[in-house]
PDB file of N, CA and C in Angstrom:
ATOM      1  N   MET A   1       9.067 -16.009   0.402  1.00  0.00           N
ATOM      2  CA  MET A   1       8.755 -15.058  -0.420  1.00  0.00           C
ATOM      3  C   MET A   1       9.938 -14.145  -0.777  1.00  0.00           C
ATOM      4  N   CYS A   2      10.437 -14.708  -1.952  1.00  0.00           N
ATOM      5  CA  CYS A   2      11.890 -14.291  -2.469  1.00  0.00           C
ATOM      6  C   CYS A   2      11.834 -13.093  -3.710  1.00  0.00           C
ATOM      7  N   GLN A   3      10.713 -13.265  -4.206  1.00  0.00           N
ATOM      8  CA  GLN A   3      10.601 -12.319  -5.360  1.00  0.00           C
ATOM      9  C   GLN A   3      10.101 -11.071  -4.942  1.00  0.00           C
ATOM     10  N   MET A   4      10.352  -9.684  -5.551  1.00  0.00           N
ATOM     11  CA  MET A   4       9.982  -8.572  -5.616  1.00  0.00           C
ATOM     12  C   MET A   4       8.929  -8.303  -4.978  1.00  0.00           C
ATOM     13  N   VAL A   5       8.411  -7.596  -3.998  1.00  0.00           N
ATOM     14  CA  VAL A   5       6.801  -7.301  -3.149  1.00  0.00           C
ATOM     15  C   VAL A   5       6.747  -5.807  -3.812  1.00  0.00           C
ATOM     16  N   ARG A   6       5.849  -5.786  -4.350  1.00  0.00           N
ATOM     17  CA  ARG A   6       5.458  -4.583  -4.944  1.00  0.00           C
ATOM     18  C   ARG A   6       4.392  -3.980  -3.951  1.00  0.00           C
ATOM     19  N   ILE A   7       3.999  -2.908  -2.975  1.00  0.00           N
ATOM     20  CA  ILE A   7       2.829  -2.149  -2.511  1.00  0.00           C
ATOM     21  C   ILE A   7       2.847  -0.840  -2.994  1.00  0.00           C
ATOM     22  N   MET A   8       1.981  -0.492  -3.389  1.00  0.00           N
ATOM     23  CA  MET A   8       1.299   1.221  -3.645  1.00  0.00           C
ATOM     24  C   MET A   8       0.451   1.865  -2.215  1.00  0.00           C
ATOM     25  N   LEU A   9       0.820   2.676  -2.198  1.00  0.00           N
ATOM     26  CA  LEU A   9       0.118   3.695  -1.240  1.00  0.00           C
ATOM     27  C   LEU A   9      -0.350   4.753  -1.783  1.00  0.00           C
ATOM     28  N   CYS A  10      -1.836   5.094  -1.582  1.00  0.00           N
ATOM     29  CA  CYS A  10      -2.226   5.967  -2.227  1.00  0.00           C
ATOM     30  C   CYS A  10      -2.945   7.396  -1.018  1.00  0.00           C
ATOM     31  N   CYS A  11      -2.616   8.232  -1.466  1.00  0.00           N
ATOM     32  CA  CYS A  11      -3.364   9.407  -0.476  1.00  0.00           C
ATOM     33  C   CYS A  11      -4.118  10.602  -1.318  1.00  0.00           C
ATOM     34  N   SER A  12      -4.176  11.605  -0.622  1.00  0.00           N
ATOM     35  CA  SER A  12      -4.672  12.600  -1.628  1.00  0.00           C
ATOM     36  C   SER A  12      -3.828  13.060  -2.637  1.00  0.00           C
ATOM     37  N   ALA A  13      -2.620  13.227  -2.505  1.00  0.00           N
ATOM     38  CA  ALA A  13      -1.534  13.808  -3.019  1.00  0.00           C
ATOM     39  C   ALA A  13      -0.294  13.138  -3.507  1.00  0.00           C
ATOM     40  N   GLY A  14      -0.353  12.340  -2.440  1.00  0.00           N
ATOM     41  CA  GLY A  14       0.969  11.333  -2.389  1.00  0.00           C
ATOM     42  C   GLY A  14       2.256  11.812  -1.639  1.00  0.00           C
ATOM     43  N   MET A  15       1.967  12.684  -0.977  1.00  0.00           N
ATOM     44  CA  MET A  15       2.903  13.307  -0.014  1.00  0.00           C
ATOM     45  C   MET A  15       2.598  13.155   1.457  1.00  0.00           C
ATOM     46  N   SER A  16       1.617  12.925   2.138  1.00  0.00           N
ATOM     47  CA  SER A  16       1.717  12.623   3.489  1.00  0.00           C
ATOM     48  C   SER A  16       2.043  10.773   3.647  1.00  0.00           C
ATOM     49  N   THR A  17       1.982  10.171   2.577  1.00  0.00           N
ATOM     50  CA  THR A  17       2.473   8.701   2.851  1.00  0.00           C
ATOM     51  C   THR A  17       3.604   8.653   2.804  1.00  0.00           C
ATOM     52  N   SER A  18       4.675   9.593   1.751  1.00  0.00           N
ATOM     53  CA  SER A  18       5.808   9.369   1.797  1.00  0.00           C
ATOM     54  C   SER A  18       6.773   8.865   2.723  1.00  0.00           C
ATOM     55  N   LEU A  19       6.360   9.423   4.051  1.00  0.00           N
ATOM     56  CA  LEU A  19       7.262   9.030   5.310  1.00  0.00           C
ATOM     57  C   LEU A  19       6.971   7.816   5.679  1.00  0.00           C
ATOM     58  N   LEU A  20       5.599   7.245   5.473  1.00  0.00           N
ATOM     59  CA  LEU A  20       5.344   6.008   5.973  1.00  0.00           C
ATOM     60  C   LEU A  20       6.208   5.152   4.924  1.00  0.00           C
ATOM     61  N   VAL A  21       6.149   5.496   3.681  1.00  0.00           N
ATOM     62  CA  VAL A  21       6.731   4.492   2.531  1.00  0.00           C
ATOM     63  C   VAL A  21       8.127   4.177   3.265  1.00  0.00           C
ATOM     64  N   LYS A  22       8.952   5.154   3.512  1.00  0.00           N
ATOM     65  CA  LYS A  22      10.177   5.289   3.778  1.00  0.00           C
ATOM     66  C   LYS A  22      10.542   4.193   5.138  1.00  0.00           C
ATOM     67  N   LYS A  23       9.580   4.183   6.128  1.00  0.00           N
ATOM     68  CA  LYS A  23       9.542   3.340   7.405  1.00  0.00           C
ATOM     69  C   LYS A  23       8.992   2.155   6.835  1.00  0.00           C
ATOM     70  N   MET A  24       8.452   2.122   5.873  1.00  0.00           N
ATOM     71  CA  MET A  24       7.948   0.344   5.511  1.00  0.00           C
ATOM     72  C   MET A  24       9.202  -0.123   4.603  1.00  0.00           C
ATOM     73  N   VAL A  25       9.981   0.611   4.146  1.00  0.00           N
ATOM     74  CA  VAL A  25      11.123   0.006   3.230  1.00  0.00           C
ATOM     75  C   VAL A  25      12.255   0.004   4.335  1.00  0.00           C
ATOM     76  N   GLU A  26      12.628   0.652   5.333  1.00  0.00           N
ATOM     77  CA  GLU A  26      13.335   0.402   6.482  1.00  0.00           C
ATOM     78  C   GLU A  26      12.815  -0.817   7.093  1.00  0.00           C
ATOM     79  N   ALA A  27      12.005  -1.374   7.337  1.00  0.00           N
ATOM     80  CA  ALA A  27      10.956  -2.371   8.084  1.00  0.00           C
ATOM     81  C   ALA A  27      11.363  -3.556   7.109  1.00  0.00           C
ATOM     82  N   ALA A  28      11.321  -3.338   6.061  1.00  0.00           N
ATOM     83  CA  ALA A  28      11.565  -4.533   4.932  1.00  0.00           C
ATOM     84  C   ALA A  28      12.966  -4.876   4.827  1.00  0.00           C
ATOM     85  N   GLU A  29      13.838  -3.487   4.924  1.00  0.00           N
ATOM     86  CA  GLU A  29      15.301  -3.916   4.483  1.00  0.00           C
ATOM     87  C   GLU A  29      16.029  -4.721   6.108  1.00  0.00           C
ATOM     88  N   SER A  30      15.265  -4.201   7.258  1.00  0.00           N
ATOM     89  CA  SER A  30      15.813  -4.757   8.360  1.00  0.00           C
ATOM     90  C   SER A  30      15.554  -6.351   8.094  1.00  0.00           C
ATOM     91  N   ARG A  31      14.627  -7.090   7.478  1.00  0.00           N
ATOM     92  CA  ARG A  31      14.228  -8.053   7.434  1.00  0.00           C
ATOM     93  C   ARG A  31      14.665  -8.962   6.208  1.00  0.00           C
ATOM     94  N   GLU A  32      15.607  -8.169   5.436  1.00  0.00           N
ATOM     95  CA  GLU A  32      15.873  -8.737   3.970  1.00  0.00           C
ATOM     96  C   GLU A  32      14.679  -8.857   3.171  1.00  0.00           C
ATOM     97  N   LEU A  33      13.943  -8.397   3.150  1.00  0.00           N
ATOM     98  CA  LEU A  33      12.835  -8.452   2.341  1.00  0.00           C
ATOM     99  C   LEU A  33      12.917  -7.444   1.072  1.00  0.00           C
ATOM    100  N   PRO A  34      12.814  -7.867  -0.184  1.00  0.00           N
ATOM    101  CA  PRO A  34      13.045  -7.282  -1.443  1.00  0.00           C
ATOM    102  C   PRO A  34      11.649  -6.580  -1.509  1.00  0.00           C
ATOM    103  N   VAL A  35      11.612  -5.333  -1.488  1.00  0.00           N
ATOM    104  CA  VAL A  35      10.398  -4.686  -1.795  1.00  0.00           C
ATOM    105  C   VAL A  35      10.450  -3.372  -2.907  1.00  0.00           C
ATOM    106  N   GLU A  36       9.074  -3.105  -3.087  1.00  0.00           N
ATOM    107  CA  GLU A  36       9.215  -1.784  -4.108  1.00  0.00           C
ATOM    108  C   GLU A  36       8.301  -1.397  -3.619  1.00  0.00           C
ATOM    109  N   ILE A  37       8.093   0.000  -2.926  1.00  0.00           N
ATOM    110  CA  ILE A  37       6.845   0.529  -2.268  1.00  0.00           C
ATOM    111  C   ILE A  37       6.877   2.294  -2.721  1.00  0.00           C
ATOM    112  N   ASP A  38       5.543   2.565  -3.055  1.00  0.00           N
ATOM    113  CA  ASP A  38       5.644   3.742  -4.031  1.00  0.00           C
ATOM    114  C   ASP A  38       4.539   4.604  -3.340  1.00  0.00           C
ATOM    115  N   ALA A  39       4.473   5.848  -3.390  1.00  0.00           N
ATOM    116  CA  ALA A  39       3.445   6.432  -2.873  1.00  0.00           C
ATOM    117  C   ALA A  39       2.544   7.312  -3.965  1.00  0.00           C
ATOM    118  N   TYR A  40       1.533   7.518  -4.063  1.00  0.00           N
ATOM    119  CA  TYR A  40       1.179   8.493  -5.354  1.00  0.00           C
ATOM    120  C   TYR A  40      -0.470   9.007  -5.093  1.00  0.00           C
ATOM    121  N   GLY A  41      -0.895   9.657  -5.444  1.00  0.00           N
ATOM    122  CA  GLY A  41      -1.665  10.719  -5.115  1.00  0.00           C
ATOM    123  C   GLY A  41      -3.098   9.944  -6.028  1.00  0.00           C
ATOM    124  N   VAL A  42      -4.249  10.070  -5.354  1.00  0.00           N
ATOM    125  CA  VAL A  42      -5.455   9.583  -6.101  1.00  0.00           C
ATOM    126  C   VAL A  42      -5.631   9.460  -7.418  1.00  0.00           C
ATOM    127  N   SER A  43      -5.363  10.512  -7.959  1.00  0.00           N
ATOM    128  CA  SER A  43      -5.330  10.914  -9.229  1.00  0.00           C
ATOM    129  C   SER A  43      -4.861   9.955 -10.435  1.00  0.00           C
ATOM    130  N   GLU A  44      -3.594   9.386  -9.571  1.00  0.00           N
ATOM    131  CA  GLU A  44      -2.825   8.214 -10.434  1.00  0.00           C
ATOM    132  C   GLU A  44      -3.167   7.172 -10.217  1.00  0.00           C
ATOM    133  N   PHE A  45      -4.017   6.533  -9.453  1.00  0.00           N
ATOM    134  CA  PHE A  45      -4.488   5.471  -9.185  1.00  0.00           C
ATOM    135  C   PHE A  45      -4.661   4.601 -10.502  1.00  0.00           C
ATOM    136  N   ASP A  46      -5.337   5.134 -11.342  1.00  0.00           N
ATOM    137  CA  ASP A  46      -5.709   4.356 -12.693  1.00  0.00           C
ATOM    138  C   ASP A  46      -4.745   3.605 -13.255  1.00  0.00           C
ATOM    139  N   ILE A  47      -3.751   4.422 -13.589  1.00  0.00           N
ATOM    140  CA  ILE A  47      -2.504   4.169 -14.278  1.00  0.00           C
ATOM    141  C   ILE A  47      -1.512   3.288 -13.390  1.00  0.00           C
ATOM    142  N   GLN A  48      -1.199   3.764 -12.167  1.00  0.00           N
ATOM    143  CA  GLN A  48      -0.484   3.081 -11.375  1.00  0.00           C
ATOM    144  C   GLN A  48      -0.889   1.703 -10.869  1.00  0.00           C
ATOM    145  N   PHE A  49      -2.160   1.526 -10.473  1.00  0.00           N
ATOM    146  CA  PHE A  49      -2.151   0.311  -9.788  1.00  0.00           C
ATOM    147  C   PHE A  49      -1.905  -1.085 -10.051  1.00  0.00           C
ATOM    148  N   PRO A  50      -2.065  -0.989 -11.633  1.00  0.00           N
ATOM    149  CA  PRO A  50      -1.667  -2.555 -12.152  1.00  0.00           C
ATOM    150  C   PRO A  50      -0.472  -3.176 -11.816  1.00  0.00           C
ATOM    151  N   LYS A  51       0.410  -2.345 -11.854  1.00  0.00           N
ATOM    152  CA  LYS A  51       1.934  -2.442 -11.325  1.00  0.00           C
ATOM    153  C   LYS A  51       2.208  -3.156 -10.131  1.00  0.00           C
ATOM    154  N   TYR A  52       1.489  -3.052  -9.133  1.00  0.00           N
ATOM    155  CA  TYR A  52       1.410  -3.100  -7.504  1.00  0.00           C
ATOM    156  C   TYR A  52       0.767  -4.842  -7.278  1.00  0.00           C
ATOM    157  N   GLN A  53       1.084  -5.360  -6.010  1.00  0.00           N
ATOM    158  CA  GLN A  53       0.412  -6.449  -5.965  1.00  0.00           C
ATOM    159  C   GLN A  53      -0.961  -6.165  -5.029  1.00  0.00           C
ATOM    160  N   VAL A  54      -0.624  -4.883  -4.036  1.00  0.00           N
ATOM    161  CA  VAL A  54      -1.420  -4.882  -3.220  1.00  0.00           C
ATOM    162  C   VAL A  54      -1.519  -3.075  -3.080  1.00  0.00           C
ATOM    163  N   VAL A  55      -2.918  -2.458  -2.807  1.00  0.00           N
ATOM    164  CA  VAL A  55      -2.851  -0.914  -2.528  1.00  0.00           C
ATOM    165  C   VAL A  55      -3.405  -0.741  -1.420  1.00  0.00           C
ATOM    166  N   LEU A  56      -2.571  -0.100  -0.599  1.00  0.00           N
ATOM    167  CA  LEU A  56      -3.410   0.620   0.845  1.00  0.00           C
ATOM    168  C   LEU A  56      -3.839   2.076   0.578  1.00  0.00           C
ATOM    169  N   LEU A  57      -4.666   2.351   1.116  1.00  0.00           N
ATOM    170  CA  LEU A  57      -5.163   3.884   1.085  1.00  0.00           C
ATOM    171  C   LEU A  57      -4.976   4.453   2.590  1.00  0.00           C
ATOM    172  N   GLY A  58      -4.302   6.000   2.297  1.00  0.00           N
ATOM    173  CA  GLY A  58      -4.277   6.558   3.608  1.00  0.00           C
ATOM    174  C   GLY A  58      -5.835   6.949   4.072  1.00  0.00           C
ATOM    175  N   PRO A  59      -6.016   7.691   5.497  1.00  0.00           N
ATOM    176  CA  PRO A  59      -6.888   8.028   5.882  1.00  0.00           C
ATOM    177  C   PRO A  59      -7.660   8.951   5.114  1.00  0.00           C
ATOM    178  N   GLN A  60      -6.894  10.004   4.356  1.00  0.00           N
ATOM    179  CA  GLN A  60      -7.783  10.873   3.755  1.00  0.00           C
ATOM    180  C   GLN A  60      -8.857  10.549   2.352  1.00  0.00           C
ATOM    181  N   VAL A  61      -8.004   9.302   1.796  1.00  0.00           N
ATOM    182  CA  VAL A  61      -8.916   8.987   0.955  1.00  0.00           C
ATOM    183  C   VAL A  61      -9.925   7.435   0.878  1.00  0.00           C
ATOM    184  N   LYS A  62      -9.634   7.048   2.395  1.00  0.00           N
ATOM    185  CA  LYS A  62     -10.765   5.970   2.693  1.00  0.00           C
ATOM    186  C   LYS A  62     -11.890   5.797   2.229  1.00  0.00           C
ATOM    187  N   TYR A  63     -12.635   7.271   1.706  1.00  0.00           N
ATOM    188  CA  TYR A  63     -14.102   7.334   1.284  1.00  0.00           C
ATOM    189  C   TYR A  63     -13.988   6.669   0.185  1.00  0.00           C
ATOM    190  N   MET A  64     -13.094   6.738  -0.743  1.00  0.00           N
ATOM    191  CA  MET A  64     -13.001   5.753  -2.100  1.00  0.00           C
ATOM    192  C   MET A  64     -12.271   4.537  -2.368  1.00  0.00           C
ATOM    193  N   LEU A  65     -12.282   3.946  -0.969  1.00  0.00           N
ATOM    194  CA  LEU A  65     -12.341   2.765  -0.861  1.00  0.00           C
ATOM    195  C   LEU A  65     -13.173   1.727  -1.633  1.00  0.00           C
ATOM    196  N   ASN A  66     -14.111   1.750  -1.613  1.00  0.00           N
ATOM    197  CA  ASN A  66     -15.458   0.753  -2.618  1.00  0.00           C
ATOM    198  C   ASN A  66     -14.963   0.945  -4.018  1.00  0.00           C
ATOM    199  N   MET A  67     -14.951   2.232  -4.575  1.00  0.00           N
ATOM    200  CA  MET A  67     -14.797   2.697  -5.956  1.00  0.00           C
ATOM    201  C   MET A  67     -13.631   2.020  -6.475  1.00  0.00           C
ATOM    202  N   LEU A  68     -12.138   2.644  -5.761  1.00  0.00           N
ATOM    203  CA  LEU A  68     -11.104   2.150  -6.173  1.00  0.00           C
ATOM    204  C   LEU A  68     -11.051   0.606  -6.076  1.00  0.00           C
ATOM    205  N   ALA A  69     -11.390  -0.093  -5.176  1.00  0.00           N
ATOM    206  CA  ALA A  69     -11.366  -1.691  -4.876  1.00  0.00           C
ATOM    207  C   ALA A  69     -12.254  -2.359  -6.156  1.00  0.00           C
ATOM    208  N   GLU A  70     -13.597  -1.900  -6.562  1.00  0.00           N
ATOM    209  CA  GLU A  70     -13.874  -2.198  -7.502  1.00  0.00           C
ATOM    210  C   GLU A  70     -13.142  -2.049  -8.836  1.00  0.00           C
ATOM    211  N   LYS A  71     -12.572  -1.120  -9.150  1.00  0.00           N
ATOM    212  CA  LYS A  71     -11.591  -1.092 -10.245  1.00  0.00           C
ATOM    213  C   LYS A  71     -10.488  -2.063 -10.169  1.00  0.00           C
ATOM    214  N   ALA A  72      -9.747  -2.387  -9.269  1.00  0.00           N
ATOM    215  CA  ALA A  72      -8.693  -3.329  -9.147  1.00  0.00           C
ATOM    216  C   ALA A  72      -9.281  -4.760  -8.831  1.00  0.00           C
ATOM    217  N   ALA A  73     -10.236  -5.079  -8.319  1.00  0.00           N
ATOM    218  CA  ALA A  73     -10.587  -6.378  -8.345  1.00  0.00           C
ATOM    219  C   ALA A  73     -10.473  -7.422  -9.767  1.00  0.00           C
ATOM    220  N   PRO A  74     -10.990  -6.920 -11.117  1.00  0.00           N
ATOM    221  CA  PRO A  74     -10.786  -7.761 -12.064  1.00  0.00           C
ATOM    222  C   PRO A  74      -9.610  -8.245 -12.261  1.00  0.00           C
ATOM    223  N   GLN A  75      -8.467  -7.635 -11.516  1.00  0.00           N
ATOM    224  CA  GLN A  75      -7.086  -7.743 -11.654  1.00  0.00           C
ATOM    225  C   GLN A  75      -6.559  -8.799 -10.585  1.00  0.00           C
ATOM    226  N   GLY A  76      -7.531  -8.787  -9.726  1.00  0.00           N
ATOM    227  CA  GLY A  76      -7.167  -9.585  -8.222  1.00  0.00           C
ATOM    228  C   GLY A  76      -6.145  -8.800  -7.412  1.00  0.00           C
ATOM    229  N   ILE A  77      -6.340  -7.368  -7.493  1.00  0.00           N
ATOM    230  CA  ILE A  77      -5.295  -6.604  -6.604  1.00  0.00           C
ATOM    231  C   ILE A  77      -6.350  -6.225  -5.281  1.00  0.00           C
ATOM    232  N   PRO A  78      -5.791  -6.235  -4.374  1.00  0.00           N
ATOM    233  CA  PRO A  78      -6.536  -6.171  -3.029  1.00  0.00           C
ATOM    234  C   PRO A  78      -6.223  -4.500  -2.733  1.00  0.00           C
ATOM    235  N   VAL A  79      -7.354  -3.950  -2.596  1.00  0.00           N
ATOM    236  CA  VAL A  79      -7.137  -2.371  -1.972  1.00  0.00           C
ATOM    237  C   VAL A  79      -7.808  -2.543  -0.658  1.00  0.00           C
ATOM    238  N   LYS A  80      -6.891  -1.773   0.271  1.00  0.00           N
ATOM    239  CA  LYS A  80      -7.577  -1.774   1.369  1.00  0.00           C
ATOM    240  C   LYS A  80      -6.908  -0.449   2.132  1.00  0.00           C
ATOM    241  N   ALA A  81      -7.674  -0.128   3.474  1.00  0.00           N
ATOM    242  CA  ALA A  81      -7.210   1.439   4.167  1.00  0.00           C
ATOM    243  C   ALA A  81      -6.180   0.824   5.087  1.00  0.00           C
ATOM    244  N   ILE A  82      -5.211   1.950   5.079  1.00  0.00           N
ATOM    245  CA  ILE A  82      -4.509   1.378   6.233  1.00  0.00           C
ATOM    246  C   ILE A  82      -5.141   1.775   7.643  1.00  0.00           C
ATOM    247  N   ASP A  83      -4.567   1.267   8.476  1.00  0.00           N
ATOM    248  CA  ASP A  83      -5.256   1.626  10.068  1.00  0.00           C
ATOM    249  C   ASP A  83      -5.027   2.988  10.446  1.00  0.00           C
ATOM    250  N   MET A  84      -5.944   3.363  10.896  1.00  0.00           N
ATOM    251  CA  MET A  84      -5.937   4.960  11.034  1.00  0.00           C
ATOM    252  C   MET A  84      -4.577   5.236  12.242  1.00  0.00           C
ATOM    253  N   ALA A  85      -4.602   4.218  13.177  1.00  0.00           N
ATOM    254  CA  ALA A  85      -3.578   4.480  14.420  1.00  0.00           C
ATOM    255  C   ALA A  85      -2.229   4.169  13.724  1.00  0.00           C
ATOM    256  N   ASP A  86      -1.957   3.169  12.956  1.00  0.00           N
ATOM    257  CA  ASP A  86      -0.736   2.834  12.444  1.00  0.00           C
ATOM    258  C   ASP A  86      -0.470   3.974  11.600  1.00  0.00           C
ATOM    259  N   TYR A  87      -1.112   4.262  10.796  1.00  0.00           N
ATOM    260  CA  TYR A  87      -0.751   5.797   9.834  1.00  0.00           C
ATOM    261  C   TYR A  87      -0.479   6.810  10.628  1.00  0.00           C
ATOM    262  N   GLY A  88      -1.187   7.151  11.606  1.00  0.00           N
ATOM    263  CA  GLY A  88      -0.883   8.325  12.799  1.00  0.00           C
ATOM    264  C   GLY A  88       0.449   8.007  13.316  1.00  0.00           C
ATOM    265  N   MET A  89       0.511   6.798  13.782  1.00  0.00           N
ATOM    266  CA  MET A  89       1.690   6.795  14.493  1.00  0.00           C
ATOM    267  C   MET A  89       3.002   6.397  13.478  1.00  0.00           C
ATOM    268  N   GLN A  90       3.006   6.323  12.202  1.00  0.00           N
ATOM    269  CA  GLN A  90       3.801   5.904  11.062  1.00  0.00           C
ATOM    270  C   GLN A  90       4.554   4.400  11.335  1.00  0.00           C
ATOM    271  N   ARG A  91       3.976   3.462  12.005  1.00  0.00           N
ATOM    272  CA  ARG A  91       4.492   2.569  11.941  1.00  0.00           C
ATOM    273  C   ARG A  91       4.668   1.489  10.985  1.00  0.00           C
ATOM    274  N   GLY A  92       5.537   1.720  10.182  1.00  0.00           N
ATOM    275  CA  GLY A  92       6.020   0.963   9.031  1.00  0.00           C
ATOM    276  C   GLY A  92       6.001  -0.492   8.786  1.00  0.00           C
ATOM    277  N   ASP A  93       6.250  -0.970  10.066  1.00  0.00           N
ATOM    278  CA  ASP A  93       6.440  -2.386  10.271  1.00  0.00           C
ATOM    279  C   ASP A  93       4.947  -3.083  10.353  1.00  0.00           C
ATOM    280  N   LYS A  94       4.191  -2.307  11.030  1.00  0.00           N
ATOM    281  CA  LYS A  94       2.753  -3.010  10.896  1.00  0.00           C
ATOM    282  C   LYS A  94       2.105  -2.515   9.563  1.00  0.00           C
ATOM    283  N   VAL A  95       2.210  -1.326   9.011  1.00  0.00           N
ATOM    284  CA  VAL A  95       1.447  -1.368   7.646  1.00  0.00           C
ATOM    285  C   VAL A  95       2.157  -2.565   7.003  1.00  0.00           C
ATOM    286  N   LEU A  96       3.564  -2.553   6.876  1.00  0.00           N
ATOM    287  CA  LEU A  96       4.275  -3.417   6.047  1.00  0.00           C
ATOM    288  C   LEU A  96       3.645  -5.115   6.216  1.00  0.00           C
ATOM    289  N   ASP A  97       3.525  -5.298   7.269  1.00  0.00           N
ATOM    290  CA  ASP A  97       2.810  -6.947   7.688  1.00  0.00           C
ATOM    291  C   ASP A  97       1.460  -6.881   7.128  1.00  0.00           C
ATOM    292  N   TYR A  98       1.000  -5.648   7.551  1.00  0.00           N
ATOM    293  CA  TYR A  98      -0.501  -5.967   6.749  1.00  0.00           C
ATOM    294  C   TYR A  98      -0.724  -5.915   5.248  1.00  0.00           C
ATOM    295  N   ALA A  99       0.406  -5.384   4.363  1.00  0.00           N
ATOM    296  CA  ALA A  99       0.397  -5.355   3.130  1.00  0.00           C
ATOM    297  C   ALA A  99       0.820  -6.728   2.747  1.00  0.00           C
ATOM    298  N   LEU A 100       1.744  -7.083   3.303  1.00  0.00           N
ATOM    299  CA  LEU A 100       1.958  -8.658   3.280  1.00  0.00           C
ATOM    300  C   LEU A 100       1.225  -9.751   3.620  1.00  0.00           C
ATOM    301  N   SER A 101       0.178  -9.637   4.471  1.00  0.00           N
ATOM    302  CA  SER A 101      -0.789 -10.596   4.779  1.00  0.00           C
ATOM    303  C   SER A 101      -1.850 -10.538   3.752  1.00  0.00           C
ATOM    304  N   LEU A 102      -2.176  -9.082   3.114  1.00  0.00           N
ATOM    305  CA  LEU A 102      -2.984  -9.267   1.789  1.00  0.00           C
ATOM    306  C   LEU A 102      -2.663  -9.849   0.553  1.00  0.00           C
ATOM    307  N   ILE A 103      -1.189  -9.584   0.212  1.00  0.00           N
ATOM    308  CA  ILE A 103      -0.954 -10.088  -1.103  1.00  0.00           C
ATOM    309  C   ILE A 103      -0.846 -12.068  -0.681  1.00  0.00           C
ATOM    310  N   ALA A 104      -0.538 -12.272   0.756  1.00  0.00           N
ATOM    311  CA  ALA A 104      -0.337 -13.781   0.896  1.00  0.00           C
ATOM    312  C   ALA A 104      -1.855 -14.516   0.446  1.00  0.00           C
ATOM    313  N   ALA A 105      -2.812 -13.567   1.168  1.00  0.00           N
ATOM    314  CA  ALA A 105      -4.525 -14.113   0.926  1.00  0.00           C
ATOM    315  C   ALA A 105      -4.981 -13.946  -0.604  1.00  0.00           C
ATOM    316  N   THR A 106      -4.239 -13.076  -1.540  1.00  0.00           N
ATOM    317  CA  THR A 106      -4.407 -13.538  -2.868  1.00  0.00           C
ATOM    318  C   THR A 106      -3.785 -14.296  -3.666  1.00  0.00           C
ATOM    319  N   HIS A 107      -2.772 -15.462  -2.954  1.00  0.00           N
ATOM    320  CA  HIS A 107      -1.845 -16.025  -3.851  1.00  0.00           C
ATOM    321  C   HIS A 107      -1.846 -17.284  -3.497  1.00  0.00           C
TER     322      HIS A 107
END
């Protein structure tokens, strides 16, 4: 996987996921994996999601999973919730692995 991997994190305002983005980028850099990982508030979902290969939702917006997944499905972009424990513990490596597995499953 040499091409740039594009991952979008989505929470209620884009703030709480920014630390997790930093940890995911650090994990990717340690593996020399080219990534673009950005965090957005759910209000920006419609505008932003087509630019990414996968969208991961923070626990605060998990209740919107089905609606957001339906919007992204026609473009083949998976939308999934971040594991609560991985989110709470800010396990960037685990969340990165999860995102990569979802991208691999769609290609």
